[in-house]
């Protein structure tokens, strides 16, 4: 468990310091959750994160 904690802390530090950047595949408006889910289950593998943005 300590190994997982160390990895999580390293990823958090990398994100804060900017040397780890998540890849955002697609961003949908919050009302587009149904379309986002449809696209996700019909895709041929993960390319990055899919995000719902309440401000769109």
N, C-alpha and C. Protein backbone atom coordinates (compact mmCIF):
# COMPACT_ATOMS: atom_id res chain seq x y z
N UNK A 1 0.82 -1.20 0.00
CA UNK A 1 0.00 0.00 0.00
C UNK A 1 0.86 1.26 0.00
N UNK A 2 2.01 1.21 0.67
CA UNK A 2 2.88 2.38 0.70
C UNK A 2 3.39 2.72 -0.69
N UNK A 3 3.61 1.69 -1.52
CA UNK A 3 4.08 1.92 -2.89
C UNK A 3 3.03 2.69 -3.69
N UNK A 4 1.75 2.32 -3.53
CA UNK A 4 0.66 3.02 -4.23
C UNK A 4 0.57 4.47 -3.76
N UNK A 5 0.74 4.68 -2.47
CA UNK A 5 0.69 6.04 -1.92
C UNK A 5 1.82 6.88 -2.49
N UNK A 6 3.01 6.30 -2.59
CA UNK A 6 4.16 7.03 -3.14
C UNK A 6 3.92 7.37 -4.61
N UNK A 7 3.35 6.43 -5.37
CA UNK A 7 3.06 6.70 -6.78
C UNK A 7 2.02 7.81 -6.92
N UNK A 8 0.97 7.76 -6.09
CA UNK A 8 -0.08 8.78 -6.15
C UNK A 8 0.49 10.16 -5.83
N UNK A 9 1.36 10.22 -4.83
CA UNK A 9 1.98 11.50 -4.47
C UNK A 9 2.87 12.01 -5.59
N UNK A 10 3.58 11.11 -6.26
CA UNK A 10 4.46 11.49 -7.37
C UNK A 10 3.64 12.03 -8.55
N UNK A 11 2.52 11.38 -8.86
CA UNK A 11 1.65 11.85 -9.94
C UNK A 11 1.06 13.21 -9.59
N UNK A 12 0.61 13.37 -8.35
CA UNK A 12 0.05 14.65 -7.93
C UNK A 12 1.10 15.76 -8.04
N UNK A 13 2.32 15.46 -7.61
CA UNK A 13 3.39 16.46 -7.70
C UNK A 13 3.70 16.80 -9.15
N UNK A 14 3.74 15.79 -10.00
CA UNK A 14 4.00 16.02 -11.43
C UNK A 14 2.94 16.87 -12.08
N UNK A 15 1.69 16.66 -11.69
CA UNK A 15 0.60 17.45 -12.23
C UNK A 15 0.70 18.90 -11.75
N UNK A 16 0.99 19.07 -10.47
CA UNK A 16 1.13 20.43 -9.92
C UNK A 16 2.30 21.18 -10.54
N UNK A 17 3.41 20.46 -10.78
CA UNK A 17 4.62 21.10 -11.31
C UNK A 17 4.60 21.20 -12.84
N UNK A 18 3.65 20.53 -13.48
CA UNK A 18 3.48 20.65 -14.92
C UNK A 18 4.26 19.68 -15.78
N UNK A 19 4.95 18.69 -15.18
CA UNK A 19 5.66 17.73 -16.00
C UNK A 19 4.83 16.48 -16.28
N UNK A 20 3.63 16.43 -15.75
CA UNK A 20 2.63 15.44 -16.15
C UNK A 20 1.40 16.23 -16.57
N UNK A 21 0.94 16.01 -17.80
CA UNK A 21 -0.25 16.70 -18.29
C UNK A 21 -1.24 15.67 -18.81
N UNK A 22 -2.45 15.63 -18.25
CA UNK A 22 -3.45 14.68 -18.75
C UNK A 22 -3.86 15.04 -20.18
N UNK A 23 -4.08 14.04 -20.98
CA UNK A 23 -4.53 14.26 -22.36
C UNK A 23 -6.05 14.24 -22.38
N UNK A 24 -6.64 15.36 -22.81
CA UNK A 24 -8.09 15.45 -22.91
C UNK A 24 -8.49 15.12 -24.35
N UNK A 25 -9.13 13.98 -24.52
CA UNK A 25 -9.57 13.57 -25.85
C UNK A 25 -10.73 14.43 -26.32
N UNK A 26 -11.75 14.55 -25.47
CA UNK A 26 -12.94 15.33 -25.84
C UNK A 26 -13.55 15.99 -24.61
N UNK A 27 -14.14 17.15 -24.83
CA UNK A 27 -14.85 17.87 -23.77
C UNK A 27 -16.27 18.09 -24.24
N UNK A 28 -17.23 17.69 -23.42
CA UNK A 28 -18.65 17.84 -23.73
C UNK A 28 -19.28 18.79 -22.73
N UNK A 29 -20.32 19.50 -23.14
CA UNK A 29 -21.07 20.28 -22.14
C UNK A 29 -21.75 19.31 -21.18
N UNK A 30 -22.07 19.76 -20.00
CA UNK A 30 -22.68 18.89 -19.00
C UNK A 30 -23.95 18.23 -19.54
N UNK A 31 -24.72 18.96 -20.33
CA UNK A 31 -25.93 18.41 -20.94
C UNK A 31 -25.64 17.37 -22.00
N UNK A 32 -24.38 17.20 -22.38
CA UNK A 32 -24.00 16.23 -23.40
C UNK A 32 -23.54 14.90 -22.82
N UNK A 33 -23.90 14.61 -21.57
CA UNK A 33 -23.47 13.37 -20.93
C UNK A 33 -23.92 12.14 -21.70
N UNK A 34 -25.13 12.18 -22.24
CA UNK A 34 -25.63 11.03 -23.01
C UNK A 34 -24.77 10.81 -24.26
N UNK A 35 -24.45 11.88 -24.97
CA UNK A 35 -23.61 11.78 -26.16
C UNK A 35 -22.20 11.32 -25.79
N UNK A 36 -21.67 11.83 -24.68
CA UNK A 36 -20.33 11.43 -24.23
C UNK A 36 -20.30 9.93 -23.93
N UNK A 37 -21.32 9.45 -23.24
CA UNK A 37 -21.40 8.02 -22.91
C UNK A 37 -21.51 7.20 -24.19
N UNK A 38 -22.34 7.62 -25.11
CA UNK A 38 -22.50 6.91 -26.38
C UNK A 38 -21.17 6.84 -27.12
N UNK A 39 -20.47 7.97 -27.23
CA UNK A 39 -19.19 7.99 -27.92
C UNK A 39 -18.16 7.10 -27.23
N UNK A 40 -18.18 7.10 -25.90
CA UNK A 40 -17.23 6.29 -25.14
C UNK A 40 -17.44 4.80 -25.37
N UNK A 41 -18.68 4.34 -25.28
CA UNK A 41 -18.91 2.91 -25.43
C UNK A 41 -18.78 2.45 -26.88
N UNK A 42 -18.84 3.37 -27.83
CA UNK A 42 -18.70 3.00 -29.24
C UNK A 42 -17.31 3.31 -29.80
N UNK A 43 -16.38 3.72 -28.95
CA UNK A 43 -15.03 4.02 -29.44
C UNK A 43 -14.20 2.74 -29.47
N UNK A 44 -13.13 2.78 -30.23
CA UNK A 44 -12.26 1.61 -30.37
C UNK A 44 -11.05 1.71 -29.44
N UNK A 45 -11.26 2.09 -28.23
CA UNK A 45 -10.16 2.18 -27.28
C UNK A 45 -9.98 3.59 -26.75
N UNK A 46 -9.37 3.67 -25.61
CA UNK A 46 -9.16 4.96 -24.96
C UNK A 46 -8.07 5.75 -25.66
N UNK A 47 -8.33 7.02 -25.86
CA UNK A 47 -7.34 7.92 -26.44
C UNK A 47 -6.96 9.00 -25.44
N UNK A 48 -7.76 9.18 -24.43
CA UNK A 48 -7.54 10.21 -23.42
C UNK A 48 -8.79 10.35 -22.58
N UNK A 49 -8.81 11.34 -21.75
CA UNK A 49 -9.95 11.57 -20.87
C UNK A 49 -11.10 12.23 -21.62
N UNK A 50 -12.30 11.88 -21.22
CA UNK A 50 -13.51 12.55 -21.70
C UNK A 50 -14.05 13.33 -20.51
N UNK A 51 -14.29 14.61 -20.73
CA UNK A 51 -14.68 15.50 -19.64
C UNK A 51 -16.03 16.14 -19.91
N UNK A 52 -16.83 16.28 -18.85
CA UNK A 52 -18.08 17.04 -18.92
C UNK A 52 -17.81 18.40 -18.28
N UNK A 53 -18.05 19.46 -19.03
CA UNK A 53 -17.77 20.82 -18.57
C UNK A 53 -19.08 21.54 -18.29
N UNK A 54 -19.37 21.84 -17.02
CA UNK A 54 -20.63 22.51 -16.69
C UNK A 54 -20.70 23.95 -17.18
N UNK A 55 -19.57 24.53 -17.57
CA UNK A 55 -19.55 25.92 -18.03
C UNK A 55 -19.76 26.07 -19.53
N UNK A 56 -19.88 24.97 -20.25
CA UNK A 56 -20.10 25.06 -21.70
C UNK A 56 -21.57 25.15 -22.00
